[in-house]
Amino acid sequence: MTAPVLTTRRLTLRPIVKADADQITRGLSNWDVVQWLSAVPFPYARQDAIYFITEVVPTTTTWAIDAGEGLIGVIGVKPDLGYWLNADFHGQHIMTEAASAVVQWYFENAEDDLISGHFVDNAASRTILTRLGFTDSNIRDELRRSMQDTVKLQTMKLTKATWTDRND
């Protein structure tokens, strides 16, 4: 499904296009970003970005996070909520803003609970998810492709009722 354009105070969330390949490659060439992602190889090459754009994006609802200077991160529902942000933009509450828009869109279009998760050592991602109203489900082992190791993943869930109650 092609992602609709969503706008927030500072961001435009738009469909990912082939011209985003270099910015995706730059963002995912940083270990500070990739270490927290399960499916991303490291080192990350331009052909990985092309594969993502041509093979993965068409099967998911995925947005480029654009703060006016091109893609600075990616967020998607596939069907779980996943995201990453270029390290230069960490600490600015950009991901919370982007994720709020995506969660709002999701619950306007779906009744199912929204699932997400974070590696147990990823306090920043946990903060984003708890701000949105996600609650802990369980902990499971997850393959981290970049290191070919297994890490603990805290799964989390957000219900439509919780989201609606928090945003009324």
N, C-alpha and C. Protein backbone atom coordinates (compact mmCIF):
# COMPACT_ATOMS: atom_id res chain seq x y z
N MET A 1 0.84 -1.19 0.00
CA MET A 1 0.00 0.00 0.00
C MET A 1 0.88 1.25 0.00
N THR A 2 0.61 2.16 -0.89
CA THR A 2 1.36 3.41 -0.92
C THR A 2 0.96 4.26 0.28
N ALA A 3 1.95 4.73 0.98
CA ALA A 3 1.69 5.55 2.16
C ALA A 3 1.14 6.91 1.77
N PRO A 4 0.08 7.36 2.44
CA PRO A 4 -0.41 8.71 2.17
C PRO A 4 0.53 9.74 2.79
N VAL A 5 0.53 10.94 2.30
CA VAL A 5 1.33 12.01 2.88
C VAL A 5 0.68 12.43 4.19
N LEU A 6 1.49 12.48 5.25
CA LEU A 6 1.05 12.96 6.56
C LEU A 6 1.92 14.16 6.92
N THR A 7 1.33 15.16 7.54
CA THR A 7 2.12 16.32 7.95
C THR A 7 1.94 16.56 9.44
N THR A 8 3.01 17.03 10.05
CA THR A 8 3.00 17.43 11.46
C THR A 8 3.55 18.85 11.52
N ARG A 9 3.73 19.33 12.71
CA ARG A 9 4.24 20.70 12.88
C ARG A 9 5.59 20.90 12.16
N ARG A 10 6.49 19.92 12.27
CA ARG A 10 7.83 20.07 11.70
C ARG A 10 8.14 19.14 10.55
N LEU A 11 7.28 18.16 10.29
CA LEU A 11 7.65 17.07 9.40
C LEU A 11 6.63 16.84 8.29
N THR A 12 7.14 16.30 7.21
CA THR A 12 6.30 15.70 6.17
C THR A 12 6.66 14.23 6.11
N LEU A 13 5.67 13.39 6.28
CA LEU A 13 5.86 11.95 6.11
C LEU A 13 5.30 11.63 4.74
N ARG A 14 6.15 11.14 3.87
CA ARG A 14 5.77 10.96 2.47
C ARG A 14 6.24 9.59 1.98
N PRO A 15 5.70 9.16 0.84
CA PRO A 15 6.17 7.88 0.28
C PRO A 15 7.68 7.92 -0.01
N ILE A 16 8.31 6.79 0.14
CA ILE A 16 9.73 6.64 -0.17
C ILE A 16 9.87 6.45 -1.68
N VAL A 17 10.85 7.13 -2.26
CA VAL A 17 11.10 7.05 -3.70
C VAL A 17 12.56 6.63 -3.93
N LYS A 18 12.84 6.20 -5.16
CA LYS A 18 14.21 5.74 -5.49
C LYS A 18 15.26 6.80 -5.22
N ALA A 19 14.90 8.07 -5.37
CA ALA A 19 15.85 9.16 -5.12
C ALA A 19 16.28 9.24 -3.65
N ASP A 20 15.59 8.53 -2.75
CA ASP A 20 15.95 8.52 -1.32
C ASP A 20 17.08 7.54 -1.01
N ALA A 21 17.53 6.77 -1.99
CA ALA A 21 18.50 5.69 -1.73
C ALA A 21 19.78 6.20 -1.06
N ASP A 22 20.32 7.31 -1.52
CA ASP A 22 21.57 7.80 -0.93
C ASP A 22 21.38 8.23 0.52
N GLN A 23 20.26 8.88 0.83
CA GLN A 23 20.01 9.32 2.20
C GLN A 23 19.73 8.13 3.12
N ILE A 24 19.05 7.11 2.61
CA ILE A 24 18.85 5.90 3.40
C ILE A 24 20.20 5.25 3.68
N THR A 25 21.03 5.16 2.66
CA THR A 25 22.36 4.56 2.83
C THR A 25 23.18 5.33 3.86
N ARG A 26 23.18 6.65 3.77
CA ARG A 26 23.92 7.47 4.75
C ARG A 26 23.41 7.22 6.17
N GLY A 27 22.09 7.24 6.34
CA GLY A 27 21.53 7.06 7.68
C GLY A 27 21.82 5.70 8.27
N LEU A 28 21.81 4.67 7.43
CA LEU A 28 22.01 3.31 7.93
C LEU A 28 23.46 2.85 7.83
N SER A 29 24.35 3.77 7.51
CA SER A 29 25.78 3.47 7.55
C SER A 29 26.37 3.82 8.91
N ASN A 30 25.53 4.26 9.82
CA ASN A 30 25.96 4.68 11.15
C ASN A 30 25.60 3.58 12.16
N TRP A 31 26.62 3.04 12.81
CA TRP A 31 26.40 1.96 13.77
C TRP A 31 25.49 2.40 14.91
N ASP A 32 25.51 3.68 15.30
CA ASP A 32 24.65 4.17 16.37
C ASP A 32 23.17 4.01 16.03
N VAL A 33 22.85 3.91 14.76
CA VAL A 33 21.47 3.68 14.32
C VAL A 33 21.23 2.18 14.14
N VAL A 34 22.10 1.53 13.39
CA VAL A 34 21.90 0.13 12.98
C VAL A 34 21.91 -0.83 14.15
N GLN A 35 22.67 -0.55 15.19
CA GLN A 35 22.77 -1.49 16.31
C GLN A 35 21.42 -1.79 16.96
N TRP A 36 20.44 -0.93 16.75
CA TRP A 36 19.12 -1.10 17.37
C TRP A 36 18.09 -1.70 16.43
N LEU A 37 18.49 -2.10 15.24
CA LEU A 37 17.56 -2.60 14.23
C LEU A 37 17.79 -4.09 13.99
N SER A 38 16.72 -4.83 13.80
CA SER A 38 16.87 -6.28 13.65
C SER A 38 17.19 -6.72 12.23
N ALA A 39 16.61 -6.10 11.22
CA ALA A 39 16.70 -6.63 9.85
C ALA A 39 17.73 -5.95 8.97
N VAL A 40 18.48 -4.99 9.49
CA VAL A 40 19.38 -4.18 8.67
C VAL A 40 20.80 -4.75 8.72
N PRO A 41 21.40 -4.96 7.54
CA PRO A 41 22.79 -5.44 7.52
C PRO A 41 23.76 -4.30 7.87
N PHE A 42 24.96 -4.67 8.26
CA PHE A 42 26.02 -3.68 8.50
C PHE A 42 27.33 -4.30 8.08
N PRO A 43 28.13 -3.63 7.28
CA PRO A 43 27.86 -2.29 6.75
C PRO A 43 26.69 -2.29 5.77
N TYR A 44 26.08 -1.12 5.63
CA TYR A 44 24.92 -0.93 4.78
C TYR A 44 25.36 -0.28 3.48
N ALA A 45 24.99 -0.88 2.36
CA ALA A 45 25.43 -0.39 1.05
C ALA A 45 24.25 0.17 0.26
N ARG A 46 24.55 0.92 -0.77
CA ARG A 46 23.50 1.51 -1.61
C ARG A 46 22.59 0.43 -2.20
N GLN A 47 23.14 -0.73 -2.58
CA GLN A 47 22.30 -1.78 -3.12
C GLN A 47 21.31 -2.30 -2.07
N ASP A 48 21.65 -2.20 -0.78
CA ASP A 48 20.70 -2.55 0.28
C ASP A 48 19.53 -1.57 0.28
N ALA A 49 19.82 -0.29 0.07
CA ALA A 49 18.76 0.72 0.02
C ALA A 49 17.87 0.50 -1.20
N ILE A 50 18.47 0.19 -2.34
CA ILE A 50 17.69 -0.06 -3.55
C ILE A 50 16.79 -1.27 -3.34
N TYR A 51 17.31 -2.33 -2.73
CA TYR A 51 16.49 -3.50 -2.43
C TYR A 51 15.32 -3.11 -1.52
N PHE A 52 15.61 -2.35 -0.47
CA PHE A 52 14.56 -1.91 0.45
C PHE A 52 13.47 -1.13 -0.30
N ILE A 53 13.88 -0.20 -1.13
CA ILE A 53 12.93 0.65 -1.86
C ILE A 53 12.10 -0.15 -2.85
N THR A 54 12.73 -1.07 -3.58
CA THR A 54 12.02 -1.77 -4.65
C THR A 54 11.29 -3.03 -4.18
N GLU A 55 11.78 -3.68 -3.12
CA GLU A 55 11.20 -4.95 -2.70
C GLU A 55 10.42 -4.89 -1.39
N VAL A 56 10.87 -4.11 -0.44
CA VAL A 56 10.22 -4.07 0.88
C VAL A 56 9.13 -3.01 0.93
N VAL A 57 9.46 -1.79 0.52
CA VAL A 57 8.50 -0.68 0.61
C VAL A 57 7.17 -1.00 -0.07
N PRO A 58 7.15 -1.62 -1.26
CA PRO A 58 5.85 -1.90 -1.89
C PRO A 58 4.96 -2.88 -1.12
N THR A 59 5.52 -3.63 -0.18
CA THR A 59 4.74 -4.62 0.57
C THR A 59 4.35 -4.12 1.96
N THR A 60 4.66 -2.87 2.27
CA THR A 60 4.39 -2.31 3.59
C THR A 60 3.79 -0.91 3.43
N THR A 61 3.40 -0.32 4.53
CA THR A 61 3.02 1.09 4.54
C THR A 61 4.17 1.81 5.24
N THR A 62 4.99 2.46 4.45
CA THR A 62 6.26 3.03 4.94
C THR A 62 6.40 4.46 4.47
N TRP A 63 6.90 5.29 5.35
CA TRP A 63 7.08 6.71 5.04
C TRP A 63 8.54 7.13 5.18
N ALA A 64 8.93 8.08 4.34
CA ALA A 64 10.16 8.84 4.54
C ALA A 64 9.82 9.94 5.53
N ILE A 65 10.67 10.13 6.52
CA ILE A 65 10.52 11.25 7.44
C ILE A 65 11.35 12.39 6.86
N ASP A 66 10.69 13.48 6.53
CA ASP A 66 11.35 14.61 5.87
C ASP A 66 11.11 15.85 6.70
N ALA A 67 12.19 16.49 7.13
CA ALA A 67 12.11 17.71 7.93
C ALA A 67 12.45 18.93 7.07
N GLY A 68 12.26 18.80 5.75
CA GLY A 68 12.49 19.93 4.87
C GLY A 68 13.80 19.87 4.11
N GLU A 69 14.63 18.88 4.43
CA GLU A 69 15.92 18.76 3.76
C GLU A 69 16.13 17.36 3.20
N GLY A 70 15.04 16.69 2.92
CA GLY A 70 15.13 15.33 2.42
C GLY A 70 14.94 14.32 3.53
N LEU A 71 15.04 13.05 3.18
CA LEU A 71 14.80 11.95 4.11
C LEU A 71 15.81 11.98 5.26
N ILE A 72 15.29 11.94 6.49
CA ILE A 72 16.16 11.86 7.68
C ILE A 72 15.87 10.60 8.48
N GLY A 73 14.90 9.82 8.03
CA GLY A 73 14.56 8.58 8.72
C GLY A 73 13.41 7.90 8.01
N VAL A 74 13.04 6.75 8.53
CA VAL A 74 11.97 5.95 7.94
C VAL A 74 11.09 5.44 9.08
N ILE A 75 9.79 5.39 8.82
CA ILE A 75 8.85 4.82 9.77
C ILE A 75 7.81 4.04 8.98
N GLY A 76 7.39 2.92 9.53
CA GLY A 76 6.42 2.12 8.80
C GLY A 76 5.62 1.20 9.70
N VAL A 77 4.53 0.71 9.12
CA VAL A 77 3.67 -0.28 9.76
C VAL A 77 3.68 -1.48 8.83
N LYS A 78 4.24 -2.59 9.32
CA LYS A 78 4.47 -3.72 8.41
C LYS A 78 4.19 -5.09 8.99
N PRO A 79 3.28 -5.49 9.73
CA PRO A 79 2.20 -4.71 10.34
C PRO A 79 2.59 -4.07 11.67
N ASP A 80 3.79 -4.38 12.18
CA ASP A 80 4.21 -3.74 13.43
C ASP A 80 4.84 -2.37 13.13
N LEU A 81 4.85 -1.50 14.13
CA LEU A 81 5.44 -0.18 14.00
C LEU A 81 6.95 -0.30 14.14
N GLY A 82 7.67 0.16 13.12
CA GLY A 82 9.13 0.16 13.15
C GLY A 82 9.65 1.47 12.62
N TYR A 83 10.84 1.85 13.02
CA TYR A 83 11.37 3.15 12.62
C TYR A 83 12.87 3.25 12.87
N TRP A 84 13.48 4.21 12.21
CA TRP A 84 14.85 4.62 12.51
C TRP A 84 14.98 6.08 12.11
N LEU A 85 15.95 6.76 12.73
CA LEU A 85 16.19 8.17 12.48
C LEU A 85 17.69 8.40 12.38
N ASN A 86 18.09 9.18 11.39
CA ASN A 86 19.49 9.56 11.23
C ASN A 86 20.01 10.09 12.58
N ALA A 87 21.18 9.64 12.98
CA ALA A 87 21.74 9.99 14.29
C ALA A 87 21.88 11.50 14.49
N ASP A 88 22.06 12.27 13.42
CA ASP A 88 22.18 13.73 13.55
C ASP A 88 20.91 14.36 14.11
N PHE A 89 19.80 13.64 14.09
CA PHE A 89 18.51 14.19 14.51
C PHE A 89 17.99 13.58 15.81
N HIS A 90 18.80 12.72 16.44
CA HIS A 90 18.39 12.14 17.72
C HIS A 90 18.27 13.23 18.78
N GLY A 91 17.40 13.01 19.74
CA GLY A 91 17.26 13.92 20.87
C GLY A 91 16.42 15.16 20.60
N GLN A 92 15.74 15.21 19.46
CA GLN A 92 14.93 16.39 19.11
C GLN A 92 13.43 16.08 19.11
N HIS A 93 13.03 14.93 19.60
CA HIS A 93 11.64 14.48 19.66
C HIS A 93 11.00 14.33 18.28
N ILE A 94 11.83 14.20 17.26
CA ILE A 94 11.33 14.04 15.90
C ILE A 94 10.61 12.71 15.75
N MET A 95 11.18 11.65 16.30
CA MET A 95 10.54 10.35 16.12
C MET A 95 9.22 10.26 16.87
N THR A 96 9.12 10.86 18.03
CA THR A 96 7.84 10.88 18.74
C THR A 96 6.79 11.60 17.90
N GLU A 97 7.17 12.69 17.28
CA GLU A 97 6.25 13.45 16.43
C GLU A 97 5.82 12.63 15.21
N ALA A 98 6.79 12.00 14.56
CA ALA A 98 6.48 11.17 13.39
C ALA A 98 5.62 9.98 13.78
N ALA A 99 5.99 9.30 14.85
CA ALA A 99 5.25 8.11 15.28
C ALA A 99 3.82 8.46 15.70
N SER A 100 3.62 9.61 16.32
CA SER A 100 2.27 10.02 16.69
C SER A 100 1.39 10.16 15.46
N ALA A 101 1.93 10.74 14.41
CA ALA A 101 1.15 10.90 13.16
C ALA A 101 0.83 9.54 12.55
N VAL A 102 1.79 8.63 12.56
CA VAL A 102 1.56 7.30 11.97
C VAL A 102 0.56 6.50 12.81
N VAL A 103 0.67 6.57 14.13
CA VAL A 103 -0.27 5.86 14.99
C VAL A 103 -1.68 6.41 14.79
N GLN A 104 -1.82 7.72 14.69
CA GLN A 104 -3.14 8.32 14.43
C GLN A 104 -3.70 7.80 13.10
N TRP A 105 -2.88 7.81 12.07
CA TRP A 105 -3.31 7.30 10.76
C TRP A 105 -3.72 5.83 10.88
N TYR A 106 -2.89 5.05 11.58
CA TYR A 106 -3.16 3.62 11.72
C TYR A 106 -4.54 3.38 12.33
N PHE A 107 -4.81 4.04 13.46
CA PHE A 107 -6.08 3.79 14.14
C PHE A 107 -7.27 4.41 13.42
N GLU A 108 -7.04 5.32 12.51
CA GLU A 108 -8.12 5.81 11.64
C GLU A 108 -8.46 4.79 10.55
N ASN A 109 -7.54 3.85 10.32
CA ASN A 109 -7.70 2.89 9.23
C ASN A 109 -7.72 1.43 9.67
N ALA A 110 -7.57 1.16 10.95
CA ALA A 110 -7.50 -0.23 11.42
C ALA A 110 -8.11 -0.35 12.81
N GLU A 111 -8.61 -1.50 13.12
CA GLU A 111 -9.16 -1.79 14.45
C GLU A 111 -8.19 -2.62 15.29
N ASP A 112 -7.27 -3.30 14.63
CA ASP A 112 -6.34 -4.19 15.33
C ASP A 112 -5.41 -3.40 16.24
N ASP A 113 -4.97 -4.05 17.32
CA ASP A 113 -3.94 -3.47 18.17
C ASP A 113 -2.69 -3.23 17.33
N LEU A 114 -1.91 -2.25 17.72
CA LEU A 114 -0.65 -1.97 17.04
C LEU A 114 0.48 -2.53 17.89
N ILE A 115 1.35 -3.29 17.26
CA ILE A 115 2.46 -3.94 17.94
C ILE A 115 3.76 -3.23 17.57
N SER A 116 4.66 -3.17 18.51
CA SER A 116 6.01 -2.66 18.25
C SER A 116 6.93 -3.33 19.25
N GLY A 117 8.13 -2.84 19.34
CA GLY A 117 9.08 -3.39 20.29
C GLY A 117 10.41 -2.69 20.20
N HIS A 118 11.26 -3.04 21.13
CA HIS A 118 12.61 -2.45 21.16
C HIS A 118 13.56 -3.45 21.81
N PHE A 119 14.82 -3.37 21.42
CA PHE A 119 15.83 -4.17 22.12
C PHE A 119 15.86 -3.67 23.56
N VAL A 120 16.00 -4.59 24.52
CA VAL A 120 15.85 -4.21 25.92
C VAL A 120 16.83 -3.12 26.36
N ASP A 121 17.96 -2.99 25.69
CA ASP A 121 18.93 -1.95 26.06
C ASP A 121 18.67 -0.61 25.37
N ASN A 122 17.65 -0.53 24.53
CA ASN A 122 17.39 0.69 23.77
C ASN A 122 16.40 1.59 24.53
N ALA A 123 16.93 2.36 25.46
CA ALA A 123 16.09 3.22 26.30
C ALA A 123 15.39 4.30 25.49
N ALA A 124 16.04 4.82 24.45
CA ALA A 124 15.44 5.89 23.65
C ALA A 124 14.18 5.41 22.94
N SER A 125 14.24 4.23 22.35
CA SER A 125 13.07 3.70 21.67
C SER A 125 11.97 3.37 22.67
N ARG A 126 12.35 2.84 23.81
CA ARG A 126 11.35 2.55 24.85
C ARG A 126 10.62 3.83 25.26
N THR A 127 11.36 4.92 25.41
CA THR A 127 10.74 6.19 25.80
C THR A 127 9.71 6.64 24.76
N ILE A 128 10.06 6.52 23.48
CA ILE A 128 9.12 6.90 22.42
C ILE A 128 7.85 6.06 22.52
N LEU A 129 8.00 4.77 22.63
CA LEU A 129 6.83 3.88 22.65
C LEU A 129 5.96 4.10 23.89
N THR A 130 6.57 4.30 25.05
CA THR A 130 5.76 4.53 26.24
C THR A 130 5.07 5.89 26.18
N ARG A 131 5.70 6.89 25.59
CA ARG A 131 5.03 8.19 25.40
C ARG A 131 3.77 8.05 24.55
N LEU A 132 3.81 7.13 23.60
CA LEU A 132 2.67 6.90 22.72
C LEU A 132 1.57 6.08 23.39
N GLY A 133 1.89 5.44 24.52
CA GLY A 133 0.90 4.63 25.23
C GLY A 133 1.09 3.13 25.10
N PHE A 134 2.15 2.70 24.42
CA PHE A 134 2.42 1.26 24.32
C PHE A 134 2.72 0.69 25.70
N THR A 135 2.31 -0.55 25.91
CA THR A 135 2.60 -1.26 27.15
C THR A 135 3.30 -2.57 26.83
N ASP A 136 4.08 -3.04 27.79
CA ASP A 136 4.87 -4.26 27.60
C ASP A 136 3.99 -5.48 27.37
N SER A 137 4.42 -6.33 26.44
CA SER A 137 3.77 -7.61 26.20
C SER A 137 4.66 -8.72 26.74
N ASN A 138 5.71 -9.05 26.00
CA ASN A 138 6.63 -10.09 26.46
C ASN A 138 8.02 -9.79 25.93
N ILE A 139 8.96 -10.57 26.37
CA ILE A 139 10.34 -10.47 25.89
C ILE A 139 10.64 -11.74 25.12
N ARG A 140 11.23 -11.57 23.96
CA ARG A 140 11.59 -12.74 23.14
C ARG A 140 12.97 -12.52 22.53
N ASP A 141 13.56 -13.59 22.06
CA ASP A 141 14.83 -13.51 21.35
C ASP A 141 14.57 -13.04 19.93
N GLU A 142 15.46 -12.19 19.43
CA GLU A 142 15.34 -11.64 18.07
C GLU A 142 16.72 -11.66 17.42
N LEU A 143 16.78 -12.09 16.18
CA LEU A 143 18.04 -12.05 15.44
C LEU A 143 18.36 -10.62 15.04
N ARG A 144 19.56 -10.17 15.36
CA ARG A 144 20.05 -8.86 14.90
C ARG A 144 20.99 -9.16 13.73
N ARG A 145 20.52 -8.86 12.53
CA ARG A 145 21.24 -9.21 11.30
C ARG A 145 22.62 -8.56 11.22
N SER A 146 22.75 -7.34 11.70
CA SER A 146 24.02 -6.62 11.58
C SER A 146 25.17 -7.33 12.28
N MET A 147 24.88 -8.03 13.36
CA MET A 147 25.91 -8.73 14.12
C MET A 147 25.76 -10.25 14.04
N GLN A 148 24.67 -10.70 13.39
CA GLN A 148 24.36 -12.13 13.36
C GLN A 148 24.36 -12.72 14.78
N ASP A 149 23.73 -11.95 15.69
CA ASP A 149 23.59 -12.43 17.06
C ASP A 149 22.12 -12.35 17.47
N THR A 150 21.84 -12.88 18.63
CA THR A 150 20.48 -12.86 19.15
C THR A 150 20.44 -11.90 20.33
N VAL A 151 19.43 -11.03 20.33
CA VAL A 151 19.26 -10.06 21.41
C VAL A 151 17.85 -10.20 21.98
N LYS A 152 17.65 -9.63 23.15
CA LYS A 152 16.33 -9.65 23.78
C LYS A 152 15.52 -8.48 23.24
N LEU A 153 14.30 -8.79 22.79
CA LEU A 153 13.37 -7.80 22.26
C LEU A 153 12.17 -7.70 23.17
N GLN A 154 11.91 -6.50 23.68
CA GLN A 154 10.70 -6.25 24.47
C GLN A 154 9.59 -5.91 23.50
N THR A 155 8.59 -6.79 23.38
CA THR A 155 7.45 -6.48 22.53
C THR A 155 6.47 -5.63 23.32
N MET A 156 5.76 -4.75 22.59
CA MET A 156 4.82 -3.83 23.22
C MET A 156 3.56 -3.74 22.37
N LYS A 157 2.47 -3.32 23.00
CA LYS A 157 1.19 -3.25 22.31
C LYS A 157 0.50 -1.94 22.65
N LEU A 158 -0.21 -1.39 21.66
CA LEU A 158 -1.05 -0.22 21.85
C LEU A 158 -2.43 -0.54 21.30
N THR A 159 -3.45 -0.35 22.12
CA THR A 159 -4.82 -0.58 21.66
C THR A 159 -5.42 0.73 21.15
N LYS A 160 -6.41 0.59 20.30
CA LYS A 160 -7.11 1.76 19.79
C LYS A 160 -7.76 2.52 20.94
N ALA A 161 -8.33 1.80 21.91
CA ALA A 161 -8.98 2.46 23.05
C ALA A 161 -7.98 3.28 23.86
N THR A 162 -6.81 2.73 24.10
CA THR A 162 -5.78 3.48 24.84
C THR A 162 -5.37 4.71 24.07
N TRP A 163 -5.14 4.58 22.76
CA TRP A 163 -4.75 5.72 21.95
C TRP A 163 -5.84 6.79 21.95
N THR A 164 -7.08 6.38 21.76
CA THR A 164 -8.19 7.33 21.70
C THR A 164 -8.35 8.04 23.04
N ASP A 165 -8.29 7.29 24.14
CA ASP A 165 -8.43 7.89 25.47
C ASP A 165 -7.33 8.91 25.76
N ARG A 166 -6.12 8.64 25.30
CA ARG A 166 -4.98 9.54 25.56
C ARG A 166 -5.06 10.80 24.70
N ASN A 167 -5.79 10.73 23.59
CA ASN A 167 -5.78 11.84 22.64
C ASN A 167 -7.12 12.56 22.53
N ASP A 168 -8.04 12.28 23.44
CA ASP A 168 -9.33 13.00 23.45
C ASP A 168 -9.22 14.29 24.23
